[in-house]
PDB file of N, CA and C in Angstrom:
ATOM      1  N   UNK A   1      -2.253  -5.818   8.434  1.00  0.00           N
ATOM      2  CA  UNK A   1      -1.379  -6.526   7.540  1.00  0.00           C
ATOM      3  C   UNK A   1       0.076  -6.255   7.862  1.00  0.00           C
ATOM      4  N   UNK A   2       0.374  -5.081   8.351  1.00  0.00           N
ATOM      5  CA  UNK A   2       1.754  -4.729   8.637  1.00  0.00           C
ATOM      6  C   UNK A   2       2.401  -5.671   9.641  1.00  0.00           C
ATOM      7  N   UNK A   3       1.637  -6.074  10.653  1.00  0.00           N
ATOM      8  CA  UNK A   3       2.187  -7.011  11.642  1.00  0.00           C
ATOM      9  C   UNK A   3       2.439  -8.373  11.013  1.00  0.00           C
ATOM     10  N   UNK A   4       1.559  -8.800  10.124  1.00  0.00           N
ATOM     11  CA  UNK A   4       1.757 -10.070   9.413  1.00  0.00           C
ATOM     12  C   UNK A   4       3.020  -9.981   8.566  1.00  0.00           C
ATOM     13  N   UNK A   5       3.214  -8.860   7.885  1.00  0.00           N
ATOM     14  CA  UNK A   5       4.420  -8.681   7.069  1.00  0.00           C
ATOM     15  C   UNK A   5       5.677  -8.828   7.914  1.00  0.00           C
ATOM     16  N   UNK A   6       5.664  -8.279   9.112  1.00  0.00           N
ATOM     17  CA  UNK A   6       6.846  -8.390   9.979  1.00  0.00           C
ATOM     18  C   UNK A   6       7.130  -9.833  10.355  1.00  0.00           C
ATOM     19  N   UNK A   7       6.096 -10.613  10.656  1.00  0.00           N
ATOM     20  CA  UNK A   7       6.273 -12.023  11.020  1.00  0.00           C
ATOM     21  C   UNK A   7       6.785 -12.822   9.825  1.00  0.00           C
ATOM     22  N   UNK A   8       6.220 -12.574   8.657  1.00  0.00           N
ATOM     23  CA  UNK A   8       6.644 -13.288   7.452  1.00  0.00           C
ATOM     24  C   UNK A   8       8.098 -12.943   7.119  1.00  0.00           C
ATOM     25  N   UNK A   9       8.476 -11.676   7.256  1.00  0.00           N
ATOM     26  CA  UNK A   9       9.864 -11.265   7.026  1.00  0.00           C
ATOM     27  C   UNK A   9      10.808 -11.977   7.995  1.00  0.00           C
ATOM     28  N   UNK A  10      10.387 -12.115   9.240  1.00  0.00           N
ATOM     29  CA  UNK A  10      11.220 -12.788  10.233  1.00  0.00           C
ATOM     30  C   UNK A  10      11.453 -14.247   9.854  1.00  0.00           C
ATOM     31  N   UNK A  11      10.552 -14.821   9.067  1.00  0.00           N
ATOM     32  CA  UNK A  11      10.701 -16.199   8.599  1.00  0.00           C
ATOM     33  C   UNK A  11      11.550 -16.274   7.326  1.00  0.00           C
ATOM     34  N   UNK A  12      12.013 -15.114   6.837  1.00  0.00           N
ATOM     35  CA  UNK A  12      12.904 -15.098   5.693  1.00  0.00           C
ATOM     36  C   UNK A  12      12.253 -14.844   4.350  1.00  0.00           C
ATOM     37  N   UNK A  13      10.992 -14.419   4.342  1.00  0.00           N
ATOM     38  CA  UNK A  13      10.282 -14.146   3.092  1.00  0.00           C
ATOM     39  C   UNK A  13      10.060 -12.639   2.980  1.00  0.00           C
ATOM     40  N   UNK A  14      10.528 -12.051   1.878  1.00  0.00           N
ATOM     41  CA  UNK A  14      10.398 -10.606   1.672  1.00  0.00           C
ATOM     42  C   UNK A  14       8.939 -10.226   1.470  1.00  0.00           C
ATOM     43  N   UNK A  15       8.545  -9.084   2.018  1.00  0.00           N
ATOM     44  CA  UNK A  15       7.171  -8.600   1.899  1.00  0.00           C
ATOM     45  C   UNK A  15       7.148  -7.122   1.534  1.00  0.00           C
ATOM     46  N   UNK A  16       6.030  -6.701   0.951  1.00  0.00           N
ATOM     47  CA  UNK A  16       5.732  -5.293   0.718  1.00  0.00           C
ATOM     48  C   UNK A  16       4.269  -5.105   1.088  1.00  0.00           C
ATOM     49  N   UNK A  17       3.987  -4.141   1.933  1.00  0.00           N
ATOM     50  CA  UNK A  17       2.622  -3.852   2.359  1.00  0.00           C
ATOM     51  C   UNK A  17       2.089  -2.689   1.517  1.00  0.00           C
ATOM     52  N   UNK A  18       0.989  -2.901   0.804  1.00  0.00           N
ATOM     53  CA  UNK A  18       0.320  -1.818   0.086  1.00  0.00           C
ATOM     54  C   UNK A  18      -0.767  -1.280   1.000  1.00  0.00           C
ATOM     55  N   UNK A  19      -0.643  -0.024   1.361  1.00  0.00           N
ATOM     56  CA  UNK A  19      -1.462   0.535   2.422  1.00  0.00           C
ATOM     57  C   UNK A  19      -2.315   1.702   1.947  1.00  0.00           C
ATOM     58  N   UNK A  20      -3.531   1.790   2.480  1.00  0.00           N
ATOM     59  CA  UNK A  20      -4.361   2.978   2.286  1.00  0.00           C
ATOM     60  C   UNK A  20      -4.567   3.708   3.614  1.00  0.00           C
ATOM     61  N   UNK A  21      -3.869   3.263   4.639  1.00  0.00           N
ATOM     62  CA  UNK A  21      -3.933   3.893   5.959  1.00  0.00           C
ATOM     63  C   UNK A  21      -2.543   4.321   6.409  1.00  0.00           C
ATOM     64  N   UNK A  22      -2.119   5.507   5.996  1.00  0.00           N
ATOM     65  CA  UNK A  22      -0.742   5.951   6.232  1.00  0.00           C
ATOM     66  C   UNK A  22      -0.399   6.026   7.713  1.00  0.00           C
ATOM     67  N   UNK A  23      -1.282   6.594   8.522  1.00  0.00           N
ATOM     68  CA  UNK A  23      -0.989   6.768   9.946  1.00  0.00           C
ATOM     69  C   UNK A  23      -0.786   5.421  10.650  1.00  0.00           C
ATOM     70  N   UNK A  24      -1.629   4.452  10.354  1.00  0.00           N
ATOM     71  CA  UNK A  24      -1.480   3.127  10.965  1.00  0.00           C
ATOM     72  C   UNK A  24      -0.217   2.422  10.479  1.00  0.00           C
ATOM     73  N   UNK A  25       0.088   2.588   9.210  1.00  0.00           N
ATOM     74  CA  UNK A  25       1.287   1.962   8.655  1.00  0.00           C
ATOM     75  C   UNK A  25       2.538   2.528   9.319  1.00  0.00           C
ATOM     76  N   UNK A  26       2.564   3.830   9.571  1.00  0.00           N
ATOM     77  CA  UNK A  26       3.706   4.433  10.252  1.00  0.00           C
ATOM     78  C   UNK A  26       3.869   3.896  11.670  1.00  0.00           C
ATOM     79  N   UNK A  27       2.769   3.579  12.333  1.00  0.00           N
ATOM     80  CA  UNK A  27       2.839   3.041  13.693  1.00  0.00           C
ATOM     81  C   UNK A  27       3.305   1.593  13.708  1.00  0.00           C
ATOM     82  N   UNK A  28       2.843   0.790  12.779  1.00  0.00           N
ATOM     83  CA  UNK A  28       3.150  -0.639  12.755  1.00  0.00           C
ATOM     84  C   UNK A  28       4.541  -0.909  12.174  1.00  0.00           C
ATOM     85  N   UNK A  29       4.961  -0.073  11.225  1.00  0.00           N
ATOM     86  CA  UNK A  29       6.269  -0.191  10.576  1.00  0.00           C
ATOM     87  C   UNK A  29       6.532  -1.552   9.941  1.00  0.00           C
ATOM     88  N   UNK A  30       5.762  -1.904   8.905  1.00  0.00           N
ATOM     89  CA  UNK A  30       6.101  -3.105   8.152  1.00  0.00           C
ATOM     90  C   UNK A  30       7.484  -2.916   7.514  1.00  0.00           C
ATOM     91  N   UNK A  31       8.140  -3.985   7.109  1.00  0.00           N
ATOM     92  CA  UNK A  31       9.475  -3.849   6.523  1.00  0.00           C
ATOM     93  C   UNK A  31       9.537  -2.901   5.320  1.00  0.00           C
ATOM     94  N   UNK A  32       8.554  -2.969   4.439  1.00  0.00           N
ATOM     95  CA  UNK A  32       8.467  -2.106   3.261  1.00  0.00           C
ATOM     96  C   UNK A  32       6.998  -1.794   3.032  1.00  0.00           C
ATOM     97  N   UNK A  33       6.694  -0.523   2.799  1.00  0.00           N
ATOM     98  CA  UNK A  33       5.293  -0.142   2.567  1.00  0.00           C
ATOM     99  C   UNK A  33       5.185   0.831   1.419  1.00  0.00           C
ATOM    100  N   UNK A  34       4.147   0.640   0.629  1.00  0.00           N
ATOM    101  CA  UNK A  34       3.799   1.565  -0.433  1.00  0.00           C
ATOM    102  C   UNK A  34       2.423   2.120  -0.082  1.00  0.00           C
ATOM    103  N   UNK A  35       2.365   3.427   0.206  1.00  0.00           N
ATOM    104  CA  UNK A  35       1.106   4.054   0.606  1.00  0.00           C
ATOM    105  C   UNK A  35       0.385   4.605  -0.613  1.00  0.00           C
ATOM    106  N   UNK A  36      -0.861   4.199  -0.749  1.00  0.00           N
ATOM    107  CA  UNK A  36      -1.719   4.684  -1.815  1.00  0.00           C
ATOM    108  C   UNK A  36      -2.788   5.580  -1.185  1.00  0.00           C
ATOM    109  N   UNK A  37      -2.882   6.827  -1.611  1.00  0.00           N
ATOM    110  CA  UNK A  37      -3.928   7.705  -1.095  1.00  0.00           C
ATOM    111  C   UNK A  37      -5.196   7.460  -1.920  1.00  0.00           C
ATOM    112  N   UNK A  38      -5.694   6.239  -1.774  1.00  0.00           N
ATOM    113  CA  UNK A  38      -6.861   5.756  -2.510  1.00  0.00           C
ATOM    114  C   UNK A  38      -7.930   5.343  -1.503  1.00  0.00           C
ATOM    115  N   UNK A  39      -9.177   5.199  -1.949  1.00  0.00           N
ATOM    116  CA  UNK A  39     -10.213   4.693  -1.046  1.00  0.00           C
ATOM    117  C   UNK A  39      -9.835   3.289  -0.551  1.00  0.00           C
ATOM    118  N   UNK A  40     -10.184   2.996   0.693  1.00  0.00           N
ATOM    119  CA  UNK A  40      -9.877   1.677   1.261  1.00  0.00           C
ATOM    120  C   UNK A  40     -10.405   0.569   0.367  1.00  0.00           C
ATOM    121  N   UNK A  41      -9.604  -0.479   0.246  1.00  0.00           N
ATOM    122  CA  UNK A  41      -9.988  -1.612  -0.576  1.00  0.00           C
ATOM    123  C   UNK A  41      -9.578  -1.478  -2.029  1.00  0.00           C
ATOM    124  N   UNK A  42      -8.953  -0.361  -2.376  1.00  0.00           N
ATOM    125  CA  UNK A  42      -8.532  -0.119  -3.757  1.00  0.00           C
ATOM    126  C   UNK A  42      -7.018   0.075  -3.824  1.00  0.00           C
ATOM    127  N   UNK A  43      -6.276  -0.758  -3.123  1.00  0.00           N
ATOM    128  CA  UNK A  43      -4.831  -0.608  -3.028  1.00  0.00           C
ATOM    129  C   UNK A  43      -4.127  -0.675  -4.380  1.00  0.00           C
ATOM    130  N   UNK A  44      -4.723  -1.367  -5.347  1.00  0.00           N
ATOM    131  CA  UNK A  44      -4.115  -1.475  -6.666  1.00  0.00           C
ATOM    132  C   UNK A  44      -4.761  -0.526  -7.667  1.00  0.00           C
ATOM    133  N   UNK A  45      -5.528   0.444  -7.211  1.00  0.00           N
ATOM    134  CA  UNK A  45      -6.111   1.435  -8.096  1.00  0.00           C
ATOM    135  C   UNK A  45      -7.539   1.114  -8.488  1.00  0.00           C
ATOM    136  N   UNK A  46      -7.994   1.844  -9.472  1.00  0.00           N
ATOM    137  CA  UNK A  46      -9.381   1.719  -9.935  1.00  0.00           C
ATOM    138  C   UNK A  46      -9.634   0.370 -10.596  1.00  0.00           C
ATOM    139  N   UNK A  47     -10.845  -0.147 -10.437  1.00  0.00           N
ATOM    140  CA  UNK A  47     -11.210  -1.367 -11.161  1.00  0.00           C
ATOM    141  C   UNK A  47     -11.103  -1.140 -12.671  1.00  0.00           C
ATOM    142  N   UNK A  48     -10.759  -2.188 -13.376  1.00  0.00           N
ATOM    143  CA  UNK A  48     -10.691  -2.169 -14.844  1.00  0.00           C
ATOM    144  C   UNK A  48      -9.645  -1.185 -15.384  1.00  0.00           C
ATOM    145  N   UNK A  49      -8.563  -0.975 -14.622  1.00  0.00           N
ATOM    146  CA  UNK A  49      -7.462  -0.110 -15.060  1.00  0.00           C
ATOM    147  C   UNK A  49      -6.160  -0.901 -14.975  1.00  0.00           C
ATOM    148  N   UNK A  50      -5.981  -1.866 -15.889  1.00  0.00           N
ATOM    149  CA  UNK A  50      -4.818  -2.752 -15.797  1.00  0.00           C
ATOM    150  C   UNK A  50      -3.476  -2.041 -15.931  1.00  0.00           C
ATOM    151  N   UNK A  51      -3.411  -0.927 -16.651  1.00  0.00           N
ATOM    152  CA  UNK A  51      -2.142  -0.213 -16.793  1.00  0.00           C
ATOM    153  C   UNK A  51      -1.682   0.345 -15.441  1.00  0.00           C
ATOM    154  N   UNK A  52      -2.594   0.997 -14.735  1.00  0.00           N
ATOM    155  CA  UNK A  52      -2.266   1.545 -13.417  1.00  0.00           C
ATOM    156  C   UNK A  52      -1.971   0.428 -12.420  1.00  0.00           C
ATOM    157  N   UNK A  53      -2.760  -0.616 -12.454  1.00  0.00           N
ATOM    158  CA  UNK A  53      -2.560  -1.745 -11.543  1.00  0.00           C
ATOM    159  C   UNK A  53      -1.198  -2.399 -11.765  1.00  0.00           C
ATOM    160  N   UNK A  54      -0.788  -2.497 -13.012  1.00  0.00           N
ATOM    161  CA  UNK A  54       0.519  -3.081 -13.327  1.00  0.00           C
ATOM    162  C   UNK A  54       1.649  -2.188 -12.828  1.00  0.00           C
ATOM    163  N   UNK A  55       1.516  -0.862 -12.983  1.00  0.00           N
ATOM    164  CA  UNK A  55       2.539   0.072 -12.471  1.00  0.00           C
ATOM    165  C   UNK A  55       2.687  -0.063 -10.962  1.00  0.00           C
ATOM    166  N   UNK A  56       1.567  -0.165 -10.268  1.00  0.00           N
ATOM    167  CA  UNK A  56       1.604  -0.302  -8.805  1.00  0.00           C
ATOM    168  C   UNK A  56       2.275  -1.612  -8.417  1.00  0.00           C
ATOM    169  N   UNK A  57       1.887  -2.705  -9.051  1.00  0.00           N
ATOM    170  CA  UNK A  57       2.472  -4.009  -8.739  1.00  0.00           C
ATOM    171  C   UNK A  57       3.975  -4.019  -9.004  1.00  0.00           C
ATOM    172  N   UNK A  58       4.399  -3.491 -10.137  1.00  0.00           N
ATOM    173  CA  UNK A  58       5.831  -3.457 -10.462  1.00  0.00           C
ATOM    174  C   UNK A  58       6.605  -2.617  -9.444  1.00  0.00           C
ATOM    175  N   UNK A  59       6.041  -1.492  -9.056  1.00  0.00           N
ATOM    176  CA  UNK A  59       6.690  -0.630  -8.076  1.00  0.00           C
ATOM    177  C   UNK A  59       6.839  -1.342  -6.734  1.00  0.00           C
ATOM    178  N   UNK A  60       5.779  -2.041  -6.321  1.00  0.00           N
ATOM    179  CA  UNK A  60       5.829  -2.782  -5.055  1.00  0.00           C
ATOM    180  C   UNK A  60       6.888  -3.882  -5.115  1.00  0.00           C
ATOM    181  N   UNK A  61       6.944  -4.616  -6.203  1.00  0.00           N
ATOM    182  CA  UNK A  61       7.939  -5.680  -6.337  1.00  0.00           C
ATOM    183  C   UNK A  61       9.359  -5.120  -6.405  1.00  0.00           C
ATOM    184  N   UNK A  62       9.536  -3.967  -7.049  1.00  0.00           N
ATOM    185  CA  UNK A  62      10.853  -3.328  -7.107  1.00  0.00           C
ATOM    186  C   UNK A  62      11.348  -2.956  -5.711  1.00  0.00           C
ATOM    187  N   UNK A  63      10.420  -2.635  -4.811  1.00  0.00           N
ATOM    188  CA  UNK A  63      10.811  -2.254  -3.449  1.00  0.00           C
ATOM    189  C   UNK A  63      11.561  -3.384  -2.741  1.00  0.00           C
ATOM    190  N   UNK A  64      11.280  -4.622  -3.088  1.00  0.00           N
ATOM    191  CA  UNK A  64      11.964  -5.750  -2.448  1.00  0.00           C
ATOM    192  C   UNK A  64      13.465  -5.646  -2.662  1.00  0.00           C
ATOM    193  N   UNK A  65      13.875  -5.187  -3.835  1.00  0.00           N
ATOM    194  CA  UNK A  65      15.300  -5.080  -4.160  1.00  0.00           C
ATOM    195  C   UNK A  65      15.892  -3.719  -3.831  1.00  0.00           C
ATOM    196  N   UNK A  66      15.066  -2.683  -3.847  1.00  0.00           N
ATOM    197  CA  UNK A  66      15.576  -1.321  -3.707  1.00  0.00           C
ATOM    198  C   UNK A  66      15.594  -0.793  -2.280  1.00  0.00           C
ATOM    199  N   UNK A  67      14.660  -1.219  -1.439  1.00  0.00           N
ATOM    200  CA  UNK A  67      14.564  -0.691  -0.077  1.00  0.00           C
ATOM    201  C   UNK A  67      15.535  -1.442   0.831  1.00  0.00           C
ATOM    202  N   UNK A  68      16.431  -0.686   1.449  1.00  0.00           N
ATOM    203  CA  UNK A  68      17.422  -1.296   2.327  1.00  0.00           C
ATOM    204  C   UNK A  68      17.137  -1.074   3.807  1.00  0.00           C
ATOM    205  N   UNK A  69      16.403  -0.008   4.124  1.00  0.00           N
ATOM    206  CA  UNK A  69      16.136   0.316   5.526  1.00  0.00           C
ATOM    207  C   UNK A  69      14.766  -0.208   5.953  1.00  0.00           C
ATOM    208  N   UNK A  70      14.713  -1.104   6.951  1.00  0.00           N
ATOM    209  CA  UNK A  70      13.425  -1.620   7.423  1.00  0.00           C
ATOM    210  C   UNK A  70      12.512  -0.488   7.909  1.00  0.00           C
ATOM    211  N   UNK A  71      11.233  -0.633   7.640  1.00  0.00           N
ATOM    212  CA  UNK A  71      10.264   0.372   8.063  1.00  0.00           C
ATOM    213  C   UNK A  71      10.054   1.484   7.052  1.00  0.00           C
ATOM    214  N   UNK A  72      10.642   1.362   5.870  1.00  0.00           N
ATOM    215  CA  UNK A  72      10.514   2.392   4.836  1.00  0.00           C
ATOM    216  C   UNK A  72       9.091   2.449   4.295  1.00  0.00           C
ATOM    217  N   UNK A  73       8.554   3.670   4.217  1.00  0.00           N
ATOM    218  CA  UNK A  73       7.241   3.906   3.636  1.00  0.00           C
ATOM    219  C   UNK A  73       7.408   4.865   2.468  1.00  0.00           C
ATOM    220  N   UNK A  74       6.944   4.477   1.295  1.00  0.00           N
ATOM    221  CA  UNK A  74       7.027   5.309   0.100  1.00  0.00           C
ATOM    222  C   UNK A  74       5.602   5.689  -0.303  1.00  0.00           C
ATOM    223  N   UNK A  75       5.404   6.961  -0.625  1.00  0.00           N
ATOM    224  CA  UNK A  75       4.101   7.450  -1.076  1.00  0.00           C
ATOM    225  C   UNK A  75       3.973   7.266  -2.584  1.00  0.00           C
ATOM    226  N   UNK A  76       2.873   6.640  -3.010  1.00  0.00           N
ATOM    227  CA  UNK A  76       2.598   6.481  -4.431  1.00  0.00           C
ATOM    228  C   UNK A  76       2.316   7.867  -5.004  1.00  0.00           C
ATOM    229  N   UNK A  77       2.987   8.252  -6.099  1.00  0.00           N
ATOM    230  CA  UNK A  77       2.876   9.627  -6.591  1.00  0.00           C
ATOM    231  C   UNK A  77       1.589   9.961  -7.348  1.00  0.00           C
ATOM    232  N   UNK A  78       0.846   8.973  -7.804  1.00  0.00           N
ATOM    233  CA  UNK A  78      -0.333   9.249  -8.623  1.00  0.00           C
ATOM    234  C   UNK A  78      -1.585   9.392  -7.750  1.00  0.00           C
ATOM    235  N   UNK A  79      -2.404  10.408  -8.008  1.00  0.00           N
ATOM    236  CA  UNK A  79      -3.636  10.571  -7.230  1.00  0.00           C
ATOM    237  C   UNK A  79      -4.726   9.618  -7.714  1.00  0.00           C
ATOM    238  N   UNK A  80      -5.737   9.430  -6.880  1.00  0.00           N
ATOM    239  CA  UNK A  80      -6.927   8.685  -7.284  1.00  0.00           C
ATOM    240  C   UNK A  80      -7.559   9.435  -8.440  1.00  0.00           C
ATOM    241  N   UNK A  81      -8.086   8.718  -9.407  1.00  0.00           N
ATOM    242  CA  UNK A  81      -8.519   9.319 -10.665  1.00  0.00           C
ATOM    243  C   UNK A  81      -9.792  10.167 -10.595  1.00  0.00           C
ATOM    244  N   UNK A  82     -10.582  10.022  -9.556  1.00  0.00           N
ATOM    245  CA  UNK A  82     -11.816  10.798  -9.457  1.00  0.00           C
ATOM    246  C   UNK A  82     -12.125  11.064  -7.985  1.00  0.00           C
ATOM    247  N   UNK A  83     -12.953  12.075  -7.697  1.00  0.00           N
ATOM    248  CA  UNK A  83     -13.284  12.367  -6.296  1.00  0.00           C
ATOM    249  C   UNK A  83     -13.947  11.162  -5.621  1.00  0.00           C
ATOM    250  N   UNK A  84     -13.653  10.961  -4.353  1.00  0.00           N
ATOM    251  CA  UNK A  84     -14.289   9.875  -3.618  1.00  0.00           C
ATOM    252  C   UNK A  84     -14.675  10.345  -2.226  1.00  0.00           C
ATOM    253  N   UNK A  85     -15.659   9.646  -1.681  1.00  0.00           N
ATOM    254  CA  UNK A  85     -16.147   9.958  -0.347  1.00  0.00           C
ATOM    255  C   UNK A  85     -16.349   8.637   0.378  1.00  0.00           C
ATOM    256  N   UNK A  86     -15.861   8.556   1.594  1.00  0.00           N
ATOM    257  CA  UNK A  86     -16.014   7.325   2.360  1.00  0.00           C
ATOM    258  C   UNK A  86     -17.453   7.169   2.836  1.00  0.00           C
ATOM    259  N   UNK A  87     -17.939   5.935   2.810  1.00  0.00           N
ATOM    260  CA  UNK A  87     -19.274   5.617   3.307  1.00  0.00           C
ATOM    261  C   UNK A  87     -19.247   5.636   4.827  1.00  0.00           C
ATOM    262  N   UNK A  88     -20.141   6.365   5.432  1.00  0.00           N
ATOM    263  CA  UNK A  88     -20.175   6.488   6.889  1.00  0.00           C
ATOM    264  C   UNK A  88     -21.250   5.610   7.528  1.00  0.00           C
ATOM    265  N   UNK A  89     -22.070   4.976   6.695  1.00  0.00           N
ATOM    266  CA  UNK A  89     -23.150   4.157   7.224  1.00  0.00           C
ATOM    267  C   UNK A  89     -24.437   4.927   7.437  1.00  0.00           C
ATOM    268  N   UNK A  90     -24.401   6.232   7.237  1.00  0.00           N
ATOM    269  CA  UNK A  90     -25.594   7.067   7.411  1.00  0.00           C
ATOM    270  C   UNK A  90     -26.210   7.379   6.056  1.00  0.00           C
ATOM    271  N   UNK A  91     -27.523   7.364   6.021  1.00  0.00           N
ATOM    272  CA  UNK A  91     -28.222   7.754   4.789  1.00  0.00           C
ATOM    273  C   UNK A  91     -28.240   9.262   4.698  1.00  0.00           C
ATOM    274  N   UNK A  92     -28.224   9.724   3.479  1.00  0.00           N
ATOM    275  CA  UNK A  92     -28.256  11.187   3.275  1.00  0.00           C
ATOM    276  C   UNK A  92     -29.636  11.688   3.119  1.00  0.00           C
TER     277      UNK A  92
END
């Protein structure tokens, strides 16, 4: 997504990339990124948690006006609400 954000920005449309892959985001350097240390696919937080999802969305939209340096990555300060483990495809 970071590369898409760069192309869209070049066309004059502001973007913010919500990322769960910090290392890849640092390599691609989208114009603005908000890193969530959440399980992949949960960039806006836990399902059925509209308060947290709204905070994340507002923060991402605020970055459009607040971030002046291209390639800025900001870490979301709130942790994932419960322990998680990535699926490896192997049965236990």
